[in-house]
Amino acid sequence: CDPAGIVFYPRYFEMINDAVEAMFADVLDWPFEDLHQTGAVPTASFQV
């Protein structure tokens, strides 16, 4: 939160990344700690 007591919008992007990381681990069975041994999955585009 920011001083106004609401979520500071960049924190949403951190939460989104947490959701993506969880999906890779839990749904695709390809956790980031394994994926990042040979590559990565950077974001190319965002619309919020």
ModelCIF file with pLDDT and N, C-alpha, C, O atoms, coordinates in Angstrom:
data_MODEL
#
_entry.id   MODEL 
#
_entity.id                         1 
_entity.type                       polymer 
_entity.pdbx_number_of_molecules   1 
#
_entity_poly.entity_id                      1 
_entity_poly.type                           'polypeptide(L)' 
_entity_poly.nstd_linkage                   no 
_entity_poly.nstd_monomer                   no 
_entity_poly.pdbx_seq_one_letter_code       CDPAGIVFYPRYFEMINDAVEAMFADVLDWPFEDLHQTGAVPTASFQV 
_entity_poly.pdbx_seq_one_letter_code_can   CDPAGIVFYPRYFEMINDAVEAMFADVLDWPFEDLHQTGAVPTASFQV 
_entity_poly.pdbx_strand_id                 A 
#
loop_
_entity_poly_seq.entity_id 
_entity_poly_seq.num 
_entity_poly_seq.mon_id 
_entity_poly_seq.hetero 
1 1  CYS n 
1 2  ASP n 
1 3  PRO n 
1 4  ALA n 
1 5  GLY n 
1 6  ILE n 
1 7  VAL n 
1 8  PHE n 
1 9  TYR n 
1 10 PRO n 
1 11 ARG n 
1 12 TYR n 
1 13 PHE n 
1 14 GLU n 
1 15 MET n 
1 16 ILE n 
1 17 ASN n 
1 18 ASP n 
1 19 ALA n 
1 20 VAL n 
1 21 GLU n 
1 22 ALA n 
1 23 MET n 
1 24 PHE n 
1 25 ALA n 
1 26 ASP n 
1 27 VAL n 
1 28 LEU n 
1 29 ASP n 
1 30 TRP n 
1 31 PRO n 
1 32 PHE n 
1 33 GLU n 
1 34 ASP n 
1 35 LEU n 
1 36 HIS n 
1 37 GLN n 
1 38 THR n 
1 39 GLY n 
1 40 ALA n 
1 41 VAL n 
1 42 PRO n 
1 43 THR n 
1 44 ALA n 
1 45 SER n 
1 46 PHE n 
1 47 GLN n 
1 48 VAL n 
#
_struct_asym.id          A 
_struct_asym.entity_id   1 
#
loop_
_ma_qa_metric.id 
_ma_qa_metric.mode 
_ma_qa_metric.name 
_ma_qa_metric.software_group_id 
_ma_qa_metric.type 
1 global pLDDT . pLDDT 
2 local  pLDDT . pLDDT 
#
_ma_qa_metric_global.metric_id      1 
_ma_qa_metric_global.metric_value   96.73 
_ma_qa_metric_global.model_id       1 
_ma_qa_metric_global.ordinal_id     1 
#
loop_
_ma_qa_metric_local.label_asym_id 
_ma_qa_metric_local.label_comp_id 
_ma_qa_metric_local.label_seq_id 
_ma_qa_metric_local.metric_id 
_ma_qa_metric_local.metric_value 
_ma_qa_metric_local.model_id 
_ma_qa_metric_local.ordinal_id 
A CYS 1  2 98.00 1 1  
A ASP 2  2 96.00 1 2  
A PRO 3  2 95.00 1 3  
A ALA 4  2 94.00 1 4  
A GLY 5  2 94.00 1 5  
A ILE 6  2 97.00 1 6  
A VAL 7  2 98.00 1 7  
A PHE 8  2 97.00 1 8  
A TYR 9  2 96.00 1 9  
A PRO 10 2 96.00 1 10 
A ARG 11 2 98.00 1 11 
A TYR 12 2 98.00 1 12 
A PHE 13 2 98.00 1 13 
A GLU 14 2 98.00 1 14 
A MET 15 2 98.00 1 15 
A ILE 16 2 98.00 1 16 
A ASN 17 2 98.00 1 17 
A ASP 18 2 98.00 1 18 
A ALA 19 2 98.00 1 19 
A VAL 20 2 98.00 1 20 
A GLU 21 2 98.00 1 21 
A ALA 22 2 97.00 1 22 
A MET 23 2 96.00 1 23 
A PHE 24 2 96.00 1 24 
A ALA 25 2 96.00 1 25 
A ASP 26 2 95.00 1 26 
A VAL 27 2 93.00 1 27 
A LEU 28 2 95.00 1 28 
A ASP 29 2 95.00 1 29 
A TRP 30 2 96.00 1 30 
A PRO 31 2 98.00 1 31 
A PHE 32 2 97.00 1 32 
A GLU 33 2 97.00 1 33 
A ASP 34 2 97.00 1 34 
A LEU 35 2 96.00 1 35 
A HIS 36 2 96.00 1 36 
A GLN 37 2 95.00 1 37 
A THR 38 2 93.00 1 38 
A GLY 39 2 96.00 1 39 
A ALA 40 2 97.00 1 40 
A VAL 41 2 98.00 1 41 
A PRO 42 2 98.00 1 42 
A THR 43 2 98.00 1 43 
A ALA 44 2 98.00 1 44 
A SER 45 2 98.00 1 45 
A PHE 46 2 97.00 1 46 
A GLN 47 2 98.00 1 47 
A VAL 48 2 98.00 1 48 
#
loop_
_atom_site.group_PDB 
_atom_site.id 
_atom_site.type_symbol 
_atom_site.label_atom_id 
_atom_site.label_alt_id 
_atom_site.label_comp_id 
_atom_site.label_asym_id 
_atom_site.label_entity_id 
_atom_site.label_seq_id 
_atom_site.pdbx_PDB_ins_code 
_atom_site.Cartn_x 
_atom_site.Cartn_y 
_atom_site.Cartn_z 
_atom_site.occupancy 
_atom_site.B_iso_or_equiv 
_atom_site.pdbx_formal_charge 
_atom_site.auth_seq_id 
_atom_site.auth_comp_id 
_atom_site.auth_asym_id 
_atom_site.auth_atom_id 
_atom_site.pdbx_PDB_model_num 
ATOM 1   N N  . CYS A 1 1  ? 0.805  -1.223  0.000   1.00 98.00 ? 1  CYS A N  1 
ATOM 2   C CA . CYS A 1 1  ? 0.000  0.000   0.000   1.00 98.00 ? 1  CYS A CA 1 
ATOM 3   C C  . CYS A 1 1  ? 0.834  1.268   0.000   1.00 98.00 ? 1  CYS A C  1 
ATOM 4   O O  . CYS A 1 1  ? 1.956  1.301   0.507   1.00 98.00 ? 1  CYS A O  1 
ATOM 5   N N  . ASP A 1 2  ? 0.256  2.313   -0.583  1.00 96.00 ? 2  ASP A N  1 
ATOM 6   C CA . ASP A 1 2  ? 0.861  3.638   -0.551  1.00 96.00 ? 2  ASP A CA 1 
ATOM 7   C C  . ASP A 1 2  ? 0.322  4.399   0.671   1.00 96.00 ? 2  ASP A C  1 
ATOM 8   O O  . ASP A 1 2  ? -0.500 3.854   1.408   1.00 96.00 ? 2  ASP A O  1 
ATOM 9   N N  . PRO A 1 3  ? 0.760  5.628   0.899   1.00 95.00 ? 3  PRO A N  1 
ATOM 10  C CA . PRO A 1 3  ? 0.289  6.369   2.079   1.00 95.00 ? 3  PRO A CA 1 
ATOM 11  C C  . PRO A 1 3  ? -1.230 6.597   2.127   1.00 95.00 ? 3  PRO A C  1 
ATOM 12  O O  . PRO A 1 3  ? -1.777 6.866   3.196   1.00 95.00 ? 3  PRO A O  1 
ATOM 13  N N  . ALA A 1 4  ? -1.905 6.493   0.994   1.00 94.00 ? 4  ALA A N  1 
ATOM 14  C CA . ALA A 1 4  ? -3.363 6.648   0.972   1.00 94.00 ? 4  ALA A CA 1 
ATOM 15  C C  . ALA A 1 4  ? -4.068 5.366   1.408   1.00 94.00 ? 4  ALA A C  1 
ATOM 16  O O  . ALA A 1 4  ? -5.289 5.351   1.565   1.00 94.00 ? 4  ALA A O  1 
ATOM 17  N N  . GLY A 1 5  ? -3.287 4.268   1.610   1.00 94.00 ? 5  GLY A N  1 
ATOM 18  C CA . GLY A 1 5  ? -3.874 3.021   2.086   1.00 94.00 ? 5  GLY A CA 1 
ATOM 19  C C  . GLY A 1 5  ? -4.416 2.119   0.990   1.00 94.00 ? 5  GLY A C  1 
ATOM 20  O O  . GLY A 1 5  ? -5.104 1.138   1.273   1.00 94.00 ? 5  GLY A O  1 
ATOM 21  N N  . ILE A 1 6  ? -4.105 2.450   -0.278  1.00 97.00 ? 6  ILE A N  1 
ATOM 22  C CA . ILE A 1 6  ? -4.532 1.595   -1.379  1.00 97.00 ? 6  ILE A CA 1 
ATOM 23  C C  . ILE A 1 6  ? -3.296 0.969   -2.027  1.00 97.00 ? 6  ILE A C  1 
ATOM 24  O O  . ILE A 1 6  ? -2.176 1.444   -1.837  1.00 97.00 ? 6  ILE A O  1 
ATOM 25  N N  . VAL A 1 7  ? -3.512 -0.095  -2.788  1.00 98.00 ? 7  VAL A N  1 
ATOM 26  C CA . VAL A 1 7  ? -2.381 -0.766  -3.430  1.00 98.00 ? 7  VAL A CA 1 
ATOM 27  C C  . VAL A 1 7  ? -1.701 0.192   -4.406  1.00 98.00 ? 7  VAL A C  1 
ATOM 28  O O  . VAL A 1 7  ? -2.342 0.797   -5.265  1.00 98.00 ? 7  VAL A O  1 
ATOM 29  N N  . PHE A 1 8  ? -0.382 0.309   -4.245  1.00 97.00 ? 8  PHE A N  1 
ATOM 30  C CA . PHE A 1 8  ? 0.454  1.063   -5.174  1.00 97.00 ? 8  PHE A CA 1 
ATOM 31  C C  . PHE A 1 8  ? 0.574  0.202   -6.425  1.00 97.00 ? 8  PHE A C  1 
ATOM 32  O O  . PHE A 1 8  ? 1.086  -0.915  -6.355  1.00 97.00 ? 8  PHE A O  1 
ATOM 33  N N  . TYR A 1 9  ? 0.110  0.702   -7.565  1.00 96.00 ? 9  TYR A N  1 
ATOM 34  C CA . TYR A 1 9  ? -0.108 -0.128  -8.751  1.00 96.00 ? 9  TYR A CA 1 
ATOM 35  C C  . TYR A 1 9  ? 1.081  -1.007  -9.156  1.00 96.00 ? 9  TYR A C  1 
ATOM 36  O O  . TYR A 1 9  ? 0.835  -2.110  -9.644  1.00 96.00 ? 9  TYR A O  1 
ATOM 37  N N  . PRO A 1 10 ? 2.365  -0.602  -8.992  1.00 96.00 ? 10 PRO A N  1 
ATOM 38  C CA . PRO A 1 10 ? 3.436  -1.540  -9.369  1.00 96.00 ? 10 PRO A CA 1 
ATOM 39  C C  . PRO A 1 10 ? 3.408  -2.837  -8.560  1.00 96.00 ? 10 PRO A C  1 
ATOM 40  O O  . PRO A 1 10 ? 3.921  -3.859  -9.016  1.00 96.00 ? 10 PRO A O  1 
ATOM 41  N N  . ARG A 1 11 ? 2.815  -2.806  -7.367  1.00 98.00 ? 11 ARG A N  1 
ATOM 42  C CA . ARG A 1 11 ? 2.736  -4.026  -6.559  1.00 98.00 ? 11 ARG A CA 1 
ATOM 43  C C  . ARG A 1 11 ? 1.830  -5.061  -7.218  1.00 98.00 ? 11 ARG A C  1 
ATOM 44  O O  . ARG A 1 11 ? 2.011  -6.263  -7.020  1.00 98.00 ? 11 ARG A O  1 
ATOM 45  N N  . TYR A 1 12 ? 0.843  -4.595  -8.011  1.00 98.00 ? 12 TYR A N  1 
ATOM 46  C CA . TYR A 1 12 ? 0.003  -5.536  -8.751  1.00 98.00 ? 12 TYR A CA 1 
ATOM 47  C C  . TYR A 1 12 ? 0.848  -6.363  -9.725  1.00 98.00 ? 12 TYR A C  1 
ATOM 48  O O  . TYR A 1 12 ? 0.599  -7.553  -9.918  1.00 98.00 ? 12 TYR A O  1 
ATOM 49  N N  . PHE A 1 13 ? 1.850  -5.718  -10.336 1.00 98.00 ? 13 PHE A N  1 
ATOM 50  C CA . PHE A 1 13 ? 2.696  -6.447  -11.286 1.00 98.00 ? 13 PHE A CA 1 
ATOM 51  C C  . PHE A 1 13 ? 3.502  -7.531  -10.570 1.00 98.00 ? 13 PHE A C  1 
ATOM 52  O O  . PHE A 1 13 ? 3.745  -8.596  -11.138 1.00 98.00 ? 13 PHE A O  1 
ATOM 53  N N  . GLU A 1 14 ? 3.913  -7.271  -9.342  1.00 98.00 ? 14 GLU A N  1 
ATOM 54  C CA . GLU A 1 14 ? 4.586  -8.303  -8.551  1.00 98.00 ? 14 GLU A CA 1 
ATOM 55  C C  . GLU A 1 14 ? 3.629  -9.452  -8.249  1.00 98.00 ? 14 GLU A C  1 
ATOM 56  O O  . GLU A 1 14 ? 4.013  -10.620 -8.322  1.00 98.00 ? 14 GLU A O  1 
ATOM 57  N N  . MET A 1 15 ? 2.385  -9.121  -7.910  1.00 98.00 ? 15 MET A N  1 
ATOM 58  C CA . MET A 1 15 ? 1.379  -10.157 -7.644  1.00 98.00 ? 15 MET A CA 1 
ATOM 59  C C  . MET A 1 15 ? 1.099  -10.978 -8.899  1.00 98.00 ? 15 MET A C  1 
ATOM 60  O O  . MET A 1 15 ? 0.963  -12.199 -8.830  1.00 98.00 ? 15 MET A O  1 
ATOM 61  N N  . ILE A 1 16 ? 1.014  -10.305 -10.048 1.00 98.00 ? 16 ILE A N  1 
ATOM 62  C CA . ILE A 1 16 ? 0.809  -11.016 -11.317 1.00 98.00 ? 16 ILE A CA 1 
ATOM 63  C C  . ILE A 1 16 ? 1.958  -11.985 -11.554 1.00 98.00 ? 16 ILE A C  1 
ATOM 64  O O  . ILE A 1 16 ? 1.734  -13.134 -11.934 1.00 98.00 ? 16 ILE A O  1 
ATOM 65  N N  . ASN A 1 17 ? 3.177  -11.530 -11.334 1.00 98.00 ? 17 ASN A N  1 
ATOM 66  C CA . ASN A 1 17 ? 4.321  -12.420 -11.527 1.00 98.00 ? 17 ASN A CA 1 
ATOM 67  C C  . ASN A 1 17 ? 4.256  -13.610 -10.577 1.00 98.00 ? 17 ASN A C  1 
ATOM 68  O O  . ASN A 1 17 ? 4.596  -14.728 -10.963 1.00 98.00 ? 17 ASN A O  1 
ATOM 69  N N  . ASP A 1 18 ? 3.822  -13.379 -9.336  1.00 98.00 ? 18 ASP A N  1 
ATOM 70  C CA . ASP A 1 18 ? 3.658  -14.490 -8.392  1.00 98.00 ? 18 ASP A CA 1 
ATOM 71  C C  . ASP A 1 18 ? 2.633  -15.500 -8.922  1.00 98.00 ? 18 ASP A C  1 
ATOM 72  O O  . ASP A 1 18 ? 2.829  -16.710 -8.805  1.00 98.00 ? 18 ASP A O  1 
ATOM 73  N N  . ALA A 1 19 ? 1.538  -14.993 -9.507  1.00 98.00 ? 19 ALA A N  1 
ATOM 74  C CA . ALA A 1 19 ? 0.509  -15.882 -10.059 1.00 98.00 ? 19 ALA A CA 1 
ATOM 75  C C  . ALA A 1 19 ? 1.048  -16.672 -11.251 1.00 98.00 ? 19 ALA A C  1 
ATOM 76  O O  . ALA A 1 19 ? 0.749  -17.857 -11.402 1.00 98.00 ? 19 ALA A O  1 
ATOM 77  N N  . VAL A 1 20 ? 1.841  -16.015 -12.092 1.00 98.00 ? 20 VAL A N  1 
ATOM 78  C CA . VAL A 1 20 ? 2.441  -16.693 -13.244 1.00 98.00 ? 20 VAL A CA 1 
ATOM 79  C C  . VAL A 1 20 ? 3.419  -17.763 -12.762 1.00 98.00 ? 20 VAL A C  1 
ATOM 80  O O  . VAL A 1 20 ? 3.409  -18.888 -13.260 1.00 98.00 ? 20 VAL A O  1 
ATOM 81  N N  . GLU A 1 21 ? 4.259  -17.412 -11.797 1.00 98.00 ? 21 GLU A N  1 
ATOM 82  C CA . GLU A 1 21 ? 5.228  -18.377 -11.277 1.00 98.00 ? 21 GLU A CA 1 
ATOM 83  C C  . GLU A 1 21 ? 4.523  -19.585 -10.655 1.00 98.00 ? 21 GLU A C  1 
ATOM 84  O O  . GLU A 1 21 ? 4.954  -20.723 -10.845 1.00 98.00 ? 21 GLU A O  1 
ATOM 85  N N  . ALA A 1 22 ? 3.447  -19.338 -9.919  1.00 97.00 ? 22 ALA A N  1 
ATOM 86  C CA . ALA A 1 22 ? 2.679  -20.438 -9.325  1.00 97.00 ? 22 ALA A CA 1 
ATOM 87  C C  . ALA A 1 22 ? 2.051  -21.316 -10.404 1.00 97.00 ? 22 ALA A C  1 
ATOM 88  O O  . ALA A 1 22 ? 2.031  -22.539 -10.267 1.00 97.00 ? 22 ALA A O  1 
ATOM 89  N N  . MET A 1 23 ? 1.540  -20.711 -11.471 1.00 96.00 ? 23 MET A N  1 
ATOM 90  C CA . MET A 1 23 ? 0.946  -21.482 -12.560 1.00 96.00 ? 23 MET A CA 1 
ATOM 91  C C  . MET A 1 23 ? 1.989  -22.370 -13.236 1.00 96.00 ? 23 MET A C  1 
ATOM 92  O O  . MET A 1 23 ? 1.713  -23.531 -13.535 1.00 96.00 ? 23 MET A O  1 
ATOM 93  N N  . PHE A 1 24 ? 3.174  -21.837 -13.476 1.00 96.00 ? 24 PHE A N  1 
ATOM 94  C CA . PHE A 1 24 ? 4.227  -22.652 -14.082 1.00 96.00 ? 24 PHE A CA 1 
ATOM 95  C C  . PHE A 1 24 ? 4.571  -23.841 -13.203 1.00 96.00 ? 24 PHE A C  1 
ATOM 96  O O  . PHE A 1 24 ? 4.770  -24.948 -13.706 1.00 96.00 ? 24 PHE A O  1 
ATOM 97  N N  . ALA A 1 25 ? 4.644  -23.624 -11.888 1.00 96.00 ? 25 ALA A N  1 
ATOM 98  C CA . ALA A 1 25 ? 5.000  -24.717 -10.971 1.00 96.00 ? 25 ALA A CA 1 
ATOM 99  C C  . ALA A 1 25 ? 3.855  -25.701 -10.784 1.00 96.00 ? 25 ALA A C  1 
ATOM 100 O O  . ALA A 1 25 ? 4.049  -26.911 -10.900 1.00 96.00 ? 25 ALA A O  1 
ATOM 101 N N  . ASP A 1 26 ? 2.671  -25.192 -10.497 1.00 95.00 ? 26 ASP A N  1 
ATOM 102 C CA . ASP A 1 26 ? 1.555  -26.045 -10.080 1.00 95.00 ? 26 ASP A CA 1 
ATOM 103 C C  . ASP A 1 26 ? 0.766  -26.664 -11.226 1.00 95.00 ? 26 ASP A C  1 
ATOM 104 O O  . ASP A 1 26 ? 0.284  -27.791 -11.110 1.00 95.00 ? 26 ASP A O  1 
ATOM 105 N N  . VAL A 1 27 ? 0.631  -25.938 -12.330 1.00 93.00 ? 27 VAL A N  1 
ATOM 106 C CA . VAL A 1 27 ? -0.189 -26.417 -13.441 1.00 93.00 ? 27 VAL A CA 1 
ATOM 107 C C  . VAL A 1 27 ? 0.674  -27.052 -14.538 1.00 93.00 ? 27 VAL A C  1 
ATOM 108 O O  . VAL A 1 27 ? 0.348  -28.122 -15.052 1.00 93.00 ? 27 VAL A O  1 
ATOM 109 N N  . LEU A 1 28 ? 1.768  -26.386 -14.889 1.00 95.00 ? 28 LEU A N  1 
ATOM 110 C CA . LEU A 1 28 ? 2.612  -26.887 -15.971 1.00 95.00 ? 28 LEU A CA 1 
ATOM 111 C C  . LEU A 1 28 ? 3.730  -27.794 -15.469 1.00 95.00 ? 28 LEU A C  1 
ATOM 112 O O  . LEU A 1 28 ? 4.422  -28.421 -16.271 1.00 95.00 ? 28 LEU A O  1 
ATOM 113 N N  . ASP A 1 29 ? 3.915  -27.871 -14.167 1.00 95.00 ? 29 ASP A N  1 
ATOM 114 C CA . ASP A 1 29 ? 4.962  -28.698 -13.561 1.00 95.00 ? 29 ASP A CA 1 
ATOM 115 C C  . ASP A 1 29 ? 6.341  -28.336 -14.119 1.00 95.00 ? 29 ASP A C  1 
ATOM 116 O O  . ASP A 1 29 ? 7.168  -29.206 -14.393 1.00 95.00 ? 29 ASP A O  1 
ATOM 117 N N  . TRP A 1 30 ? 6.562  -27.025 -14.280 1.00 96.00 ? 30 TRP A N  1 
ATOM 118 C CA . TRP A 1 30 ? 7.833  -26.494 -14.781 1.00 96.00 ? 30 TRP A CA 1 
ATOM 119 C C  . TRP A 1 30 ? 8.191  -25.271 -13.943 1.00 96.00 ? 30 TRP A C  1 
ATOM 120 O O  . TRP A 1 30 ? 8.103  -24.143 -14.426 1.00 96.00 ? 30 TRP A O  1 
ATOM 121 N N  . PRO A 1 31 ? 8.600  -25.487 -12.675 1.00 98.00 ? 31 PRO A N  1 
ATOM 122 C CA . PRO A 1 31 ? 8.872  -24.362 -11.789 1.00 98.00 ? 31 PRO A CA 1 
ATOM 123 C C  . PRO A 1 31 ? 10.000 -23.471 -12.311 1.00 98.00 ? 31 PRO A C  1 
ATOM 124 O O  . PRO A 1 31 ? 10.905 -23.937 -13.003 1.00 98.00 ? 31 PRO A O  1 
ATOM 125 N N  . PHE A 1 32 ? 9.932  -22.202 -11.973 1.00 97.00 ? 32 PHE A N  1 
ATOM 126 C CA . PHE A 1 32 ? 10.924 -21.246 -12.444 1.00 97.00 ? 32 PHE A CA 1 
ATOM 127 C C  . PHE A 1 32 ? 12.349 -21.669 -12.103 1.00 97.00 ? 32 PHE A C  1 
ATOM 128 O O  . PHE A 1 32 ? 13.268 -21.417 -12.882 1.00 97.00 ? 32 PHE A O  1 
ATOM 129 N N  . GLU A 1 33 ? 12.548 -22.314 -10.941 1.00 97.00 ? 33 GLU A N  1 
ATOM 130 C CA . GLU A 1 33 ? 13.915 -22.714 -10.593 1.00 97.00 ? 33 GLU A CA 1 
ATOM 131 C C  . GLU A 1 33 ? 14.465 -23.748 -11.578 1.00 97.00 ? 33 GLU A C  1 
ATOM 132 O O  . GLU A 1 33 ? 15.681 -23.854 -11.740 1.00 97.00 ? 33 GLU A O  1 
ATOM 133 N N  . ASP A 1 34 ? 13.595 -24.505 -12.233 1.00 97.00 ? 34 ASP A N  1 
ATOM 134 C CA . ASP A 1 34 ? 14.028 -25.431 -13.281 1.00 97.00 ? 34 ASP A CA 1 
ATOM 135 C C  . ASP A 1 34 ? 14.092 -24.723 -14.632 1.00 97.00 ? 34 ASP A C  1 
ATOM 136 O O  . ASP A 1 34 ? 15.071 -24.854 -15.367 1.00 97.00 ? 34 ASP A O  1 
ATOM 137 N N  . LEU A 1 35 ? 13.059 -23.985 -14.945 1.00 96.00 ? 35 LEU A N  1 
ATOM 138 C CA . LEU A 1 35 ? 12.978 -23.257 -16.207 1.00 96.00 ? 35 LEU A CA 1 
ATOM 139 C C  . LEU A 1 35 ? 14.193 -22.361 -16.392 1.00 96.00 ? 35 LEU A C  1 
ATOM 140 O O  . LEU A 1 35 ? 14.765 -22.313 -17.481 1.00 96.00 ? 35 LEU A O  1 
ATOM 141 N N  . HIS A 1 36 ? 14.598 -21.646 -15.334 1.00 96.00 ? 36 HIS A N  1 
ATOM 142 C CA . HIS A 1 36 ? 15.689 -20.682 -15.445 1.00 96.00 ? 36 HIS A CA 1 
ATOM 143 C C  . HIS A 1 36 ? 17.063 -21.322 -15.552 1.00 96.00 ? 36 HIS A C  1 
ATOM 144 O O  . HIS A 1 36 ? 18.063 -20.612 -15.667 1.00 96.00 ? 36 HIS A O  1 
ATOM 145 N N  . GLN A 1 37 ? 17.134 -22.642 -15.517 1.00 95.00 ? 37 GLN A N  1 
ATOM 146 C CA . GLN A 1 37 ? 18.404 -23.326 -15.756 1.00 95.00 ? 37 GLN A CA 1 
ATOM 147 C C  . GLN A 1 37 ? 18.794 -23.259 -17.239 1.00 95.00 ? 37 GLN A C  1 
ATOM 148 O O  . GLN A 1 37 ? 19.977 -23.295 -17.580 1.00 95.00 ? 37 GLN A O  1 
ATOM 149 N N  . THR A 1 38 ? 17.792 -23.161 -18.107 1.00 93.00 ? 38 THR A N  1 
ATOM 150 C CA . THR A 1 38 ? 18.056 -23.187 -19.551 1.00 93.00 ? 38 THR A CA 1 
ATOM 151 C C  . THR A 1 38 ? 17.468 -22.004 -20.313 1.00 93.00 ? 38 THR A C  1 
ATOM 152 O O  . THR A 1 38 ? 17.704 -21.875 -21.514 1.00 93.00 ? 38 THR A O  1 
ATOM 153 N N  . GLY A 1 39 ? 16.719 -21.153 -19.654 1.00 96.00 ? 39 GLY A N  1 
ATOM 154 C CA . GLY A 1 39 ? 16.103 -20.025 -20.346 1.00 96.00 ? 39 GLY A CA 1 
ATOM 155 C C  . GLY A 1 39 ? 15.263 -19.199 -19.401 1.00 96.00 ? 39 GLY A C  1 
ATOM 156 O O  . GLY A 1 39 ? 15.537 -19.132 -18.203 1.00 96.00 ? 39 GLY A O  1 
ATOM 157 N N  . ALA A 1 40 ? 14.230 -18.565 -19.952 1.00 97.00 ? 40 ALA A N  1 
ATOM 158 C CA . ALA A 1 40 ? 13.361 -17.698 -19.152 1.00 97.00 ? 40 ALA A CA 1 
ATOM 159 C C  . ALA A 1 40 ? 12.070 -17.448 -19.926 1.00 97.00 ? 40 ALA A C  1 
ATOM 160 O O  . ALA A 1 40 ? 11.921 -17.878 -21.069 1.00 97.00 ? 40 ALA A O  1 
ATOM 161 N N  . VAL A 1 41 ? 11.142 -16.744 -19.280 1.00 98.00 ? 41 VAL A N  1 
ATOM 162 C CA . VAL A 1 41 ? 9.872  -16.376 -19.918 1.00 98.00 ? 41 VAL A CA 1 
ATOM 163 C C  . VAL A 1 41 ? 9.554  -14.903 -19.621 1.00 98.00 ? 41 VAL A C  1 
ATOM 164 O O  . VAL A 1 41 ? 8.630  -14.607 -18.863 1.00 98.00 ? 41 VAL A O  1 
ATOM 165 N N  . PRO A 1 42 ? 10.320 -13.986 -20.218 1.00 98.00 ? 42 PRO A N  1 
ATOM 166 C CA . PRO A 1 42 ? 10.060 -12.572 -19.964 1.00 98.00 ? 42 PRO A CA 1 
ATOM 167 C C  . PRO A 1 42 ? 8.730  -12.122 -20.582 1.00 98.00 ? 42 PRO A C  1 
ATOM 168 O O  . PRO A 1 42 ? 8.193  -12.747 -21.497 1.00 98.00 ? 42 PRO A O  1 
ATOM 169 N N  . THR A 1 43 ? 8.233  -11.024 -20.044 1.00 98.00 ? 43 THR A N  1 
ATOM 170 C CA . THR A 1 43 ? 7.003  -10.424 -20.548 1.00 98.00 ? 43 THR A CA 1 
ATOM 171 C C  . THR A 1 43 ? 7.322  -9.565  -21.768 1.00 98.00 ? 43 THR A C  1 
ATOM 172 O O  . THR A 1 43 ? 8.221  -8.725  -21.727 1.00 98.00 ? 43 THR A O  1 
ATOM 173 N N  . ALA A 1 44 ? 6.584  -9.781  -22.846 1.00 98.00 ? 44 ALA A N  1 
ATOM 174 C CA . ALA A 1 44 ? 6.742  -8.993  -24.064 1.00 98.00 ? 44 ALA A CA 1 
ATOM 175 C C  . ALA A 1 44 ? 5.693  -7.900  -24.165 1.00 98.00 ? 44 ALA A C  1 
ATOM 176 O O  . ALA A 1 44 ? 5.908  -6.881  -24.821 1.00 98.00 ? 44 ALA A O  1 
ATOM 177 N N  . SER A 1 45 ? 4.549  -8.117  -23.508 1.00 98.00 ? 45 SER A N  1 
ATOM 178 C CA . SER A 1 45 ? 3.441  -7.167  -23.615 1.00 98.00 ? 45 SER A CA 1 
ATOM 179 C C  . SER A 1 45 ? 2.574  -7.248  -22.372 1.00 98.00 ? 45 SER A C  1 
ATOM 180 O O  . SER A 1 45 ? 2.360  -8.321  -21.809 1.00 98.00 ? 45 SER A O  1 
ATOM 181 N N  . PHE A 1 46 ? 2.075  -6.077  -21.951 1.00 97.00 ? 46 PHE A N  1 
ATOM 182 C CA . PHE A 1 46 ? 1.150  -5.982  -20.821 1.00 97.00 ? 46 PHE A CA 1 
ATOM 183 C C  . PHE A 1 46 ? 0.085  -4.953  -21.145 1.00 97.00 ? 46 PHE A C  1 
ATOM 184 O O  . PHE A 1 46 ? 0.392  -3.877  -21.657 1.00 97.00 ? 46 PHE A O  1 
ATOM 185 N N  . GLN A 1 47 ? -1.149 -5.271  -20.854 1.00 98.00 ? 47 GLN A N  1 
ATOM 186 C CA . GLN A 1 47 ? -2.261 -4.321  -20.912 1.00 98.00 ? 47 GLN A CA 1 
ATOM 187 C C  . GLN A 1 47 ? -3.059 -4.533  -19.641 1.00 98.00 ? 47 GLN A C  1 
ATOM 188 O O  . GLN A 1 47 ? -3.543 -5.637  -19.391 1.00 98.00 ? 47 GLN A O  1 
ATOM 189 N N  . VAL A 1 48 ? -3.205 -3.486  -18.830 1.00 98.00 ? 48 VAL A N  1 
ATOM 190 C CA . VAL A 1 48 ? -3.927 -3.619  -17.571 1.00 98.00 ? 48 VAL A CA 1 
ATOM 191 C C  . VAL A 1 48 ? -5.014 -2.556  -17.495 1.00 98.00 ? 48 VAL A C  1 
ATOM 192 O O  . VAL A 1 48 ? -5.745 -2.490  -16.506 1.00 98.00 ? 48 VAL A O  1 
#
